[in-house]
Amino acid sequence: MGTTTTQLAATAFDSFFLQNGEFGGEHFRNHVELVVDTLADVLQDVDRPLEGKTVQDIQQELNGILDLSEEPQALHEVLREIKGPVIKNSLHVSHERSMAHLHCPPVLPGVLAELIIGALNQSMDSWDQSPAATYVEEALSRYWCGRIGFSVRGDGVFTSGGTQSNYMGMLLARDAFCRSKWEHIVQRDGLPESFKKMRVLCSEEAHFSVKKSVSQLGLGEKAVVPVPVLDDHRMDLDEVRRMVEQLEQDGLLPYAVVSTCGTTDYGSIDPLEGLADFCEEKGLWLHVDAAYGAGLLLSEKHNGKLAGIDRADSVTLDFHKWLFQPISSGMFAVKDRKHLRLLSHHADYLNPVEDEEEGIVNLVNKSIQTTRRFDALKVLLTLKVLGTRLLGSMVDRTMEVSSFAAEELGRREAFRVENPSPELSAVVFQYQPEGSLDVSDLNRKIQQKLFNEGTAVIAKTSVRGETYLKFTLLNPRTTEEDVLAVIDEIENTAKQILGGTPH
């Protein structure tokens, strides 16, 4: 009997998919080894965070590989093509002198879990698409709720990161308020007539996603009331009380407060206990954005800085910041799981009512996403392989180095440190030499020159309208010697820009 056209087509497709059996395993192993060998070749030659090329250079190198063909190309050929233009030209976040953003070096268990996640390709919306993965995520959600200090009523769901989690917090706060205030169901009836009076308070240094979320939820940006911060960049609790009372006198409806636990620039933590007391007194929803600060949940030395987080109504956690996970891996947690029902919509093909009656868990009931990755597996492997004590010590180590950086910068005459006692692992500072007319422009050029040369990757930010520099130290392998070397590079680079002679 001859080979059919269908059989020939299937055979042609085989080499591009995971397959069962001995051949399938060997086929997969060969492909993975090609990728590992390519990465290993690059990693062994990495001696700085960046190759040090201009925007134009990188664009030019990429032009040669972005032409797409109708015909297949061997994997080893494609890897050879992208090795330089893509892989080598990437930011090497695991390098000790990559210290710019909230962009952590991933631990190996997380990286390896990514391979398993991609190969299994579970979809976390319904149990029948992710039978084991559903219960892994459920268990890890309970674990982190316990770490926060929530009771058994707490619950959570994995998200793409802080922006999505903050969005969910603002969504639930809005809908819970409308139900309790007017018995109005936003899901069914849309926004109530008085929605223009609703207000959310947050620090003037809160993450932009708070304002963005409230805007997208139909209340408009003016519904977000920014609260001034004190000199330590923490939200002024007295101002919160005064502003809420003023809003109420004006006939407006404050309904939620967002407390930031680790601001993007300074790592500052708003006064959690005081805000929790006030929100309980006034009946306000308290959302804690701990996308950055959640790393302290595992810290043995600094865990006390999170006192009061257990009293929040909802919490944002980001594991791809200070739990050393590959992007993306975040979580949204609530004190009382009943509020997650505000997200639920039934679809017979995903989460029929009968499933719920039979106790079948369909995680789409807890998320604003439908298809979701099995990101919980990265966290599971990391917790099991490293253990919580070692992970906590990694967090504590980055805080030691950030304190050292602030002290060292403070000792050098030409630097001004904006947060000399870092709350977490971020240090904001400016190089201020005598006689320089435009210090802001100088600092911007310092950051750009270091980046373009690949010497060190640091960030820039705005403080009172001026450009400042920033270390965000998330790599526990970064040492005091690395910090000293980068500070020296900043000084030498500044002198080059100003026309001096580097020492």
Protein backbone atom coordinates (compact mmCIF):
# COMPACT_ATOMS: atom_id res chain seq x y z
CA MET A 1 0.00 0.00 0.00
CA GLY A 2 1.53 3.34 -1.07
CA THR A 3 2.23 6.35 1.11
CA THR A 4 -0.65 8.84 1.02
CA THR A 5 -0.37 12.59 0.60
CA THR A 6 -1.66 12.99 4.16
CA GLN A 7 1.10 10.75 5.54
CA LEU A 8 3.76 12.63 3.62
CA ALA A 9 2.48 15.96 4.95
CA ALA A 10 2.44 14.65 8.51
CA THR A 11 6.01 13.40 8.15
CA ALA A 12 7.11 16.82 6.89
CA PHE A 13 5.56 18.43 9.97
CA ASP A 14 7.06 16.00 12.49
CA SER A 15 10.41 17.68 12.94
CA PHE A 16 8.82 20.93 14.10
CA PHE A 17 6.79 19.55 17.02
CA LEU A 18 7.32 17.74 20.31
CA GLN A 19 6.76 14.04 19.73
CA ASN A 20 6.17 10.98 21.88
CA GLY A 21 8.51 8.02 22.12
CA GLU A 22 12.27 7.56 22.12
CA PHE A 23 12.78 9.41 18.85
CA GLY A 24 10.74 12.35 20.11
CA GLY A 25 12.87 12.66 23.23
CA GLU A 26 16.12 12.55 21.29
CA HIS A 27 14.82 15.01 18.72
CA PHE A 28 13.88 17.48 21.47
CA ARG A 29 17.22 17.02 23.25
CA ASN A 30 19.16 17.81 20.08
CA HIS A 31 17.29 21.05 19.54
CA VAL A 32 17.70 22.15 23.16
CA GLU A 33 21.42 21.40 23.03
CA LEU A 34 21.82 23.66 20.00
CA VAL A 35 20.22 26.54 21.94
CA VAL A 36 22.23 25.82 25.10
CA ASP A 37 25.49 25.70 23.14
CA THR A 38 24.70 29.04 21.48
CA LEU A 39 23.91 30.74 24.79
CA ALA A 40 26.94 29.18 26.47
CA ASP A 41 29.23 30.51 23.75
CA VAL A 42 27.91 34.01 24.34
CA LEU A 43 27.93 33.84 28.14
CA GLN A 44 31.55 32.72 28.38
CA ASP A 45 32.63 35.89 26.59
CA VAL A 46 30.42 38.36 28.49
CA ASP A 47 32.66 40.75 30.42
CA ARG A 48 30.30 43.72 30.66
CA PRO A 49 26.53 44.32 30.72
CA LEU A 50 26.35 45.49 27.10
CA GLU A 51 28.38 45.13 23.93
CA GLY A 52 28.64 48.91 23.77
CA LYS A 53 27.18 49.86 20.41
CA THR A 54 25.14 52.77 19.15
CA VAL A 55 21.48 52.54 18.25
CA GLN A 56 22.43 52.82 14.59
CA ASP A 57 24.99 49.98 14.86
CA ILE A 58 22.44 47.60 16.37
CA GLN A 59 19.77 48.50 13.84
CA GLN A 60 22.23 47.93 11.01
CA GLU A 61 23.21 44.49 12.32
CA LEU A 62 19.56 43.48 12.68
CA ASN A 63 18.68 44.53 9.14
CA GLY A 64 20.52 41.56 7.74
CA ILE A 65 18.55 38.92 9.63
CA LEU A 66 14.98 40.22 9.58
CA ASP A 67 14.18 39.20 6.01
CA LEU A 68 11.74 36.28 6.19
CA SER A 69 11.56 33.46 3.66
CA GLU A 70 8.80 31.12 2.50
CA GLU A 71 11.19 28.20 2.83
CA PRO A 72 12.30 26.59 6.12
CA GLN A 73 15.79 27.19 7.45
CA ALA A 74 17.84 24.89 9.68
CA LEU A 75 17.79 25.81 13.36
CA HIS A 76 21.58 25.85 13.66
CA GLU A 77 21.74 28.36 10.79
CA VAL A 78 19.16 30.64 12.35
CA LEU A 79 20.92 30.49 15.74
CA ARG A 80 24.19 31.39 14.05
CA GLU A 81 22.50 34.38 12.40
CA ILE A 82 20.92 35.75 15.58
CA LYS A 83 23.86 35.01 17.89
CA GLY A 84 25.54 38.36 17.32
CA PRO A 85 22.79 40.79 16.31
CA VAL A 86 20.21 39.59 18.88
CA ILE A 87 21.80 37.61 21.71
CA LYS A 88 25.09 39.51 22.06
CA ASN A 89 23.35 42.86 21.62
CA SER A 90 20.94 42.14 24.46
CA LEU A 91 21.22 43.64 27.94
CA HIS A 92 22.90 41.05 30.14
CA VAL A 93 20.84 41.53 33.29
CA SER A 94 22.80 38.86 35.15
CA HIS A 95 26.03 40.87 34.93
CA GLU A 96 27.13 42.30 38.28
CA ARG A 97 27.29 45.85 36.89
CA SER A 98 23.80 45.85 35.43
CA MET A 99 22.11 47.96 38.08
CA ALA A 100 19.61 50.20 36.37
CA HIS A 101 16.00 49.08 36.66
CA LEU A 102 13.69 46.74 38.54
CA HIS A 103 14.88 44.03 36.19
CA CYS A 104 16.45 41.19 38.12
CA PRO A 105 18.88 38.43 37.18
CA PRO A 106 16.87 35.20 36.94
CA VAL A 107 17.93 32.16 38.97
CA LEU A 108 18.58 28.97 37.03
CA PRO A 109 15.55 27.02 38.36
CA GLY A 110 13.32 29.77 36.97
CA VAL A 111 15.10 29.74 33.62
CA LEU A 112 14.85 25.96 33.36
CA ALA A 113 11.19 26.08 34.38
CA GLU A 114 10.57 28.32 31.37
CA LEU A 115 11.60 25.42 29.15
CA ILE A 116 9.13 23.09 30.87
CA ILE A 117 6.38 25.73 30.72
CA GLY A 118 6.88 26.24 27.00
CA ALA A 119 7.04 22.52 26.26
CA LEU A 120 3.90 21.66 28.25
CA ASN A 121 2.05 24.80 27.07
CA GLN A 122 -0.67 24.61 29.70
CA SER A 123 -3.45 27.18 29.55
CA MET A 124 -4.46 28.24 33.04
CA ASP A 125 -8.04 29.25 32.27
CA SER A 126 -9.83 25.91 32.68
CA TRP A 127 -8.98 22.79 34.68
CA ASP A 128 -9.26 20.48 31.69
CA GLN A 129 -6.48 22.46 29.96
CA SER A 130 -4.18 22.50 33.00
CA PRO A 131 -5.14 19.66 35.36
CA ALA A 132 -1.96 19.55 37.50
CA ALA A 133 -0.96 23.17 36.87
CA THR A 134 -4.26 24.42 38.32
CA TYR A 135 -3.52 22.87 41.69
CA VAL A 136 0.11 24.03 41.67
CA GLU A 137 -1.05 27.63 41.20
CA GLU A 138 -3.75 27.23 43.84
CA ALA A 139 -1.22 25.91 46.37
CA LEU A 140 1.28 28.68 45.67
CA SER A 141 -1.46 31.30 45.93
CA ARG A 142 -2.31 29.97 49.38
CA TYR A 143 1.38 29.93 50.29
CA TRP A 144 1.92 33.59 49.42
CA CYS A 145 -1.33 34.65 51.06
CA GLY A 146 0.01 32.98 54.19
CA ARG A 147 3.30 34.84 53.83
CA ILE A 148 1.39 38.11 53.59
CA GLY A 149 -0.50 37.18 56.76
CA PHE A 150 -3.95 36.65 55.30
CA SER A 151 -6.27 34.12 56.90
CA VAL A 152 -7.67 31.06 55.13
CA ARG A 153 -10.16 33.40 53.46
CA GLY A 154 -7.32 34.92 51.44
CA ASP A 155 -6.79 33.97 47.83
CA GLY A 156 -4.76 34.96 44.82
CA VAL A 157 -4.03 34.45 41.16
CA PHE A 158 -0.85 34.74 39.09
CA THR A 159 -0.60 37.76 36.79
CA SER A 160 1.74 39.21 34.19
CA GLY A 161 3.10 41.67 36.76
CA GLY A 162 2.47 44.79 38.79
CA THR A 163 0.46 46.72 36.22
CA GLN A 164 -2.09 43.94 35.82
CA SER A 165 -2.25 43.32 39.57
CA ASN A 166 -2.77 47.01 40.32
CA TYR A 167 -5.48 47.09 37.68
CA MET A 168 -7.25 44.20 39.39
CA GLY A 169 -6.97 45.92 42.75
CA MET A 170 -8.54 49.10 41.40
CA LEU A 171 -11.24 47.10 39.60
CA LEU A 172 -12.29 45.17 42.70
CA ALA A 173 -12.14 48.28 44.90
CA ARG A 174 -14.42 50.13 42.48
CA ASP A 175 -16.97 47.34 42.13
CA ALA A 176 -17.00 46.46 45.84
CA PHE A 177 -17.65 50.11 46.70
CA CYS A 178 -20.51 50.40 44.21
CA ARG A 179 -22.14 47.27 45.66
CA SER A 180 -21.84 48.38 49.28
CA LYS A 181 -22.72 52.04 48.66
CA TRP A 182 -25.58 51.73 46.19
CA GLU A 183 -26.21 47.97 45.78
CA HIS A 184 -25.15 48.63 42.21
CA ILE A 185 -23.61 45.79 40.17
CA VAL A 186 -21.13 47.37 37.76
CA GLN A 187 -20.57 44.11 35.89
CA ARG A 188 -24.24 44.03 34.93
CA ASP A 189 -25.35 47.66 34.87
CA GLY A 190 -22.23 49.68 34.07
CA LEU A 191 -21.01 52.63 36.09
CA PRO A 192 -23.49 54.24 38.52
CA GLU A 193 -24.76 57.79 38.04
CA SER A 194 -22.49 59.16 40.77
CA PHE A 195 -19.29 57.58 39.44
CA LYS A 196 -17.80 61.02 38.67
CA LYS A 197 -17.61 61.66 42.42
CA MET A 198 -15.49 58.59 43.20
CA ARG A 199 -11.88 59.15 44.26
CA VAL A 200 -8.74 57.07 44.87
CA LEU A 201 -5.80 58.39 46.90
CA CYS A 202 -2.19 57.37 46.36
CA SER A 203 1.28 58.78 46.86
CA GLU A 204 2.47 61.32 44.32
CA GLU A 205 5.31 58.84 43.75
CA ALA A 206 3.03 55.82 43.26
CA HIS A 207 3.47 53.69 40.16
CA PHE A 208 1.91 55.17 37.02
CA SER A 209 -0.27 52.06 36.64
CA VAL A 210 -2.55 53.29 39.45
CA LYS A 211 -3.62 56.35 37.48
CA LYS A 212 -3.63 54.36 34.25
CA SER A 213 -5.88 51.68 35.76
CA VAL A 214 -8.40 54.10 37.23
CA SER A 215 -8.53 55.91 33.90
CA GLN A 216 -9.14 52.66 31.99
CA LEU A 217 -11.86 51.70 34.46
CA GLY A 218 -13.92 54.65 33.32
CA LEU A 219 -13.42 57.02 36.24
CA GLY A 220 -10.88 59.26 34.53
CA GLU A 221 -7.44 60.36 35.71
CA LYS A 222 -8.94 63.15 37.81
CA ALA A 223 -10.39 60.47 40.07
CA VAL A 224 -6.84 59.81 41.35
CA VAL A 225 -5.82 62.23 44.09
CA PRO A 226 -2.02 62.40 44.57
CA VAL A 227 -0.90 62.74 48.17
CA PRO A 228 2.32 64.65 48.98
CA VAL A 229 5.30 62.75 50.35
CA LEU A 230 7.62 63.61 53.20
CA ASP A 231 11.39 64.05 52.86
CA ASP A 232 11.81 60.27 53.05
CA HIS A 233 9.52 59.91 50.02
CA ARG A 234 6.83 58.15 52.07
CA MET A 235 3.20 59.21 51.76
CA ASP A 236 2.25 61.83 54.35
CA LEU A 237 -0.36 60.14 56.58
CA ASP A 238 -1.60 63.44 57.99
CA GLU A 239 -2.20 64.66 54.45
CA VAL A 240 -4.17 61.51 53.64
CA ARG A 241 -6.50 62.19 56.55
CA ARG A 242 -6.84 65.88 55.72
CA MET A 243 -7.47 65.25 52.01
CA VAL A 244 -10.09 62.55 52.62
CA GLU A 245 -11.95 64.83 55.01
CA GLN A 246 -11.77 67.65 52.46
CA LEU A 247 -13.05 65.41 49.67
CA GLU A 248 -15.99 64.35 51.82
CA GLN A 249 -16.78 67.98 52.66
CA ASP A 250 -16.79 68.71 48.93
CA GLY A 251 -19.38 66.00 48.38
CA LEU A 252 -16.96 63.60 46.73
CA LEU A 253 -16.58 59.89 47.46
CA PRO A 254 -13.13 58.64 48.43
CA TYR A 255 -13.31 54.86 48.39
CA ALA A 256 -9.76 53.49 48.14
CA VAL A 257 -6.18 54.22 49.20
CA VAL A 258 -3.14 52.76 47.42
CA SER A 259 -0.09 52.27 49.62
CA THR A 260 3.19 51.75 47.78
CA CYS A 261 5.57 49.26 49.35
CA GLY A 262 8.70 50.03 47.40
CA THR A 263 8.46 53.04 45.09
CA THR A 264 10.13 52.63 41.71
CA ASP A 265 12.76 55.30 42.28
CA TYR A 266 13.54 55.19 45.99
CA GLY A 267 12.14 51.89 47.24
CA SER A 268 10.21 53.87 49.86
CA ILE A 269 7.48 52.18 51.88
CA ASP A 270 4.37 54.14 52.76
CA PRO A 271 3.23 53.97 56.42
CA LEU A 272 1.30 50.70 56.20
CA GLU A 273 0.09 50.43 59.80
CA GLY A 274 -1.15 54.01 59.94
CA LEU A 275 -2.88 53.73 56.58
CA ALA A 276 -4.50 50.44 57.63
CA ASP A 277 -5.84 52.07 60.81
CA PHE A 278 -7.24 55.00 58.85
CA CYS A 279 -8.80 52.84 56.13
CA GLU A 280 -10.50 50.65 58.73
CA GLU A 281 -11.82 53.75 60.48
CA LYS A 282 -13.21 55.24 57.26
CA GLY A 283 -14.28 52.02 55.53
CA LEU A 284 -11.85 52.53 52.61
CA TRP A 285 -10.37 49.78 50.48
CA LEU A 286 -6.61 49.50 51.10
CA HIS A 287 -4.56 48.23 48.18
CA VAL A 288 -0.83 47.66 48.75
CA ASP A 289 1.40 47.81 45.70
CA ALA A 290 4.29 45.64 46.88
CA ALA A 291 5.55 44.77 43.40
CA TYR A 292 9.05 45.74 44.52
CA GLY A 293 8.90 45.37 48.29
CA ALA A 294 7.39 41.87 48.31
CA GLY A 295 10.92 40.45 48.37
CA LEU A 296 10.94 41.35 52.06
CA LEU A 297 8.36 38.62 52.69
CA LEU A 298 11.32 36.22 52.67
CA SER A 299 13.84 38.49 54.39
CA GLU A 300 14.94 37.54 57.89
CA LYS A 301 16.50 40.93 58.65
CA HIS A 302 13.98 43.36 57.15
CA ASN A 303 10.63 41.58 57.18
CA GLY A 304 9.38 44.00 59.84
CA LYS A 305 9.26 46.80 57.28
CA LEU A 306 6.13 45.13 55.90
CA ALA A 307 4.23 45.37 59.20
CA GLY A 308 0.59 46.08 58.35
CA ILE A 309 0.53 44.47 54.91
CA ASP A 310 -1.70 41.71 56.33
CA ARG A 311 -4.42 44.31 56.89
CA ALA A 312 -4.68 45.24 53.20
CA ASP A 313 -7.75 44.33 51.17
CA SER A 314 -5.57 43.50 48.17
CA VAL A 315 -1.85 43.20 47.46
CA THR A 316 0.35 43.28 44.36
CA LEU A 317 3.41 40.99 44.31
CA ASP A 318 6.04 40.74 41.56
CA PHE A 319 8.27 37.70 41.56
CA HIS A 320 10.22 38.91 38.52
CA LYS A 321 11.63 41.78 40.56
CA TRP A 322 13.05 40.53 43.85
CA LEU A 323 12.40 36.79 43.72
CA PHE A 324 14.77 36.51 40.76
CA GLN A 325 12.22 35.07 38.30
CA PRO A 326 12.27 35.37 34.50
CA ILE A 327 9.69 37.78 33.15
CA SER A 328 6.79 37.47 33.62
CA SER A 329 5.72 36.32 37.05
CA GLY A 330 3.43 38.33 39.30
CA MET A 331 0.54 37.74 41.66
CA PHE A 332 -2.58 39.51 42.85
CA ALA A 333 -3.82 38.59 46.33
CA VAL A 334 -6.99 39.48 48.25
CA LYS A 335 -7.77 39.24 51.95
CA ASP A 336 -11.21 37.79 51.24
CA ARG A 337 -11.73 35.52 48.22
CA LYS A 338 -15.38 36.58 47.93
CA HIS A 339 -14.23 39.71 46.10
CA LEU A 340 -12.75 37.66 43.28
CA ARG A 341 -16.29 36.69 42.31
CA LEU A 342 -16.63 40.23 40.98
CA LEU A 343 -14.41 39.03 38.10
CA SER A 344 -16.31 35.88 37.22
CA HIS A 345 -18.16 35.40 33.95
CA HIS A 346 -19.50 32.02 32.94
CA ALA A 347 -18.82 30.51 29.54
CA ASP A 348 -20.08 27.00 28.91
CA TYR A 349 -16.90 26.07 27.02
CA LEU A 350 -14.61 27.18 29.90
CA ASN A 351 -16.23 27.40 33.32
CA PRO A 352 -19.81 26.08 33.26
CA VAL A 353 -21.82 26.47 36.45
CA GLU A 354 -22.00 22.69 36.78
CA ASP A 355 -18.19 22.55 37.18
CA GLU A 356 -18.35 24.90 40.14
CA GLU A 357 -21.13 22.86 41.73
CA GLU A 358 -18.96 19.75 41.39
CA GLY A 359 -15.93 21.48 42.92
CA ILE A 360 -13.89 21.69 39.71
CA VAL A 361 -11.50 24.65 39.82
CA ASN A 362 -11.41 26.85 36.72
CA LEU A 363 -8.96 29.66 37.37
CA VAL A 364 -10.51 31.92 34.73
CA ASN A 365 -13.01 32.75 37.49
CA LYS A 366 -10.25 34.65 39.32
CA SER A 367 -8.50 36.45 36.49
CA ILE A 368 -9.08 39.22 33.98
CA GLN A 369 -7.12 37.07 31.51
CA THR A 370 -8.39 33.99 29.75
CA THR A 371 -5.31 32.21 28.41
CA ARG A 372 -2.49 32.42 30.96
CA ARG A 373 0.94 30.82 31.25
CA PHE A 374 1.86 28.30 33.92
CA ASP A 375 4.15 30.86 35.58
CA ALA A 376 3.58 29.34 39.00
CA LEU A 377 5.92 26.51 38.01
CA LYS A 378 8.90 28.90 37.98
CA VAL A 379 8.16 29.96 41.53
CA LEU A 380 7.61 26.36 42.66
CA LEU A 381 10.95 25.17 41.28
CA THR A 382 12.76 28.17 42.72
CA LEU A 383 11.31 27.77 46.22
CA LYS A 384 12.05 24.04 46.27
CA VAL A 385 15.56 24.16 44.78
CA LEU A 386 16.83 27.21 46.68
CA GLY A 387 14.68 27.22 49.82
CA THR A 388 13.23 30.32 51.45
CA ARG A 389 16.18 30.97 53.77
CA LEU A 390 18.67 31.26 50.92
CA LEU A 391 16.29 33.42 48.88
CA GLY A 392 15.79 35.70 51.87
CA SER A 393 19.53 36.04 52.32
CA MET A 394 19.84 37.05 48.65
CA VAL A 395 17.37 39.87 49.26
CA ASP A 396 19.22 40.92 52.40
CA ARG A 397 22.54 40.90 50.56
CA THR A 398 21.30 43.35 47.93
CA MET A 399 20.19 45.66 50.72
CA GLU A 400 23.64 45.49 52.32
CA VAL A 401 25.25 46.52 49.06
CA SER A 402 22.76 49.34 48.48
CA SER A 403 23.53 50.75 51.95
CA PHE A 404 27.23 50.54 51.13
CA ALA A 405 26.62 52.37 47.82
CA ALA A 406 24.74 55.19 49.56
CA GLU A 407 27.48 55.56 52.18
CA GLU A 408 30.25 55.55 49.59
CA LEU A 409 28.50 58.13 47.41
CA GLY A 410 27.94 60.25 50.51
CA ARG A 411 31.67 60.19 51.27
CA ARG A 412 32.62 61.53 47.85
CA GLU A 413 32.52 65.28 47.63
CA ALA A 414 30.99 65.63 44.17
CA PHE A 415 27.92 63.46 44.83
CA ARG A 416 24.57 64.30 46.39
CA VAL A 417 22.53 61.30 47.58
CA GLU A 418 18.77 61.83 47.57
CA ASN A 419 18.01 58.83 49.83
CA PRO A 420 21.09 58.34 52.05
CA SER A 421 19.36 55.59 54.06
CA PRO A 422 17.80 53.35 51.38
CA GLU A 423 14.58 51.63 52.45
CA LEU A 424 15.12 48.80 49.97
CA SER A 425 17.87 48.41 47.37
CA ALA A 426 17.60 51.58 45.27
CA VAL A 427 19.90 54.61 45.58
CA VAL A 428 19.20 57.91 43.81
CA PHE A 429 22.02 60.42 43.47
CA GLN A 430 23.48 63.20 41.34
CA TYR A 431 27.02 64.07 40.34
CA GLN A 432 27.48 67.77 41.18
CA PRO A 433 31.00 69.03 40.39
CA GLU A 434 31.92 72.60 41.23
CA GLY A 435 31.57 75.07 38.41
CA SER A 436 29.37 72.95 36.14
CA LEU A 437 26.57 75.09 34.70
CA ASP A 438 24.14 72.35 33.64
CA VAL A 439 24.40 69.52 36.15
CA SER A 440 21.19 67.90 34.87
CA ASP A 441 22.55 67.63 31.33
CA LEU A 442 25.87 66.32 32.63
CA ASN A 443 24.23 63.48 34.53
CA ARG A 444 22.15 62.56 31.52
CA LYS A 445 25.30 62.37 29.39
CA ILE A 446 27.07 60.27 32.03
CA GLN A 447 24.30 57.69 31.97
CA GLN A 448 24.16 57.60 28.18
CA LYS A 449 27.94 57.32 27.74
CA LEU A 450 28.22 54.45 30.21
CA PHE A 451 25.34 52.68 28.49
CA ASN A 452 26.62 53.21 24.96
CA GLU A 453 30.05 51.94 25.93
CA GLY A 454 28.61 48.99 27.84
CA THR A 455 30.78 49.78 30.87
CA ALA A 456 27.94 49.86 33.38
CA VAL A 457 24.19 50.05 33.15
CA ILE A 458 22.67 52.56 35.56
CA ALA A 459 19.38 54.42 35.39
CA LYS A 460 18.42 58.06 35.24
CA THR A 461 15.35 59.65 36.77
CA SER A 462 13.90 63.08 37.48
CA VAL A 463 14.09 64.73 40.90
CA ARG A 464 12.50 68.17 41.22
CA GLY A 465 12.84 68.62 37.47
CA GLU A 466 16.54 67.67 37.34
CA THR A 467 18.18 64.51 36.01
CA TYR A 468 19.55 62.23 38.71
CA LEU A 469 21.25 58.84 38.47
CA LYS A 470 20.05 55.64 40.12
CA PHE A 471 21.36 52.28 41.23
CA THR A 472 18.77 49.52 41.52
CA LEU A 473 20.69 46.68 43.11
CA LEU A 474 18.84 43.41 42.61
CA ASN A 475 21.76 41.07 41.95
CA PRO A 476 23.08 39.36 45.11
CA ARG A 477 26.29 38.63 43.20
CA THR A 478 27.02 42.37 42.87
CA THR A 479 29.75 43.21 45.39
CA GLU A 480 31.00 46.34 47.09
CA GLU A 481 33.95 46.21 44.68
CA ASP A 482 31.54 46.33 41.73
CA VAL A 483 29.86 49.38 43.22
CA LEU A 484 33.19 51.12 43.79
CA ALA A 485 34.23 50.40 40.20
CA VAL A 486 31.00 51.85 38.79
CA ILE A 487 31.23 54.98 40.96
CA ASP A 488 34.80 55.45 39.73
CA GLU A 489 33.55 55.05 36.15
CA ILE A 490 30.92 57.75 36.78
CA GLU A 491 33.58 60.16 38.04
CA ASN A 492 35.97 59.41 35.19
CA THR A 493 33.21 59.67 32.60
CA ALA A 494 32.12 63.04 34.01
CA LYS A 495 35.68 64.36 33.78
CA GLN A 496 35.94 63.18 30.19
CA ILE A 497 32.70 64.96 29.33
CA LEU A 498 33.85 68.13 31.08
CA GLY A 499 37.20 67.99 29.31
CA GLY A 500 39.29 66.81 32.26
CA THR A 501 41.78 63.98 32.36
CA PRO A 502 40.47 60.67 33.74
CA HIS A 503 42.54 59.12 36.52
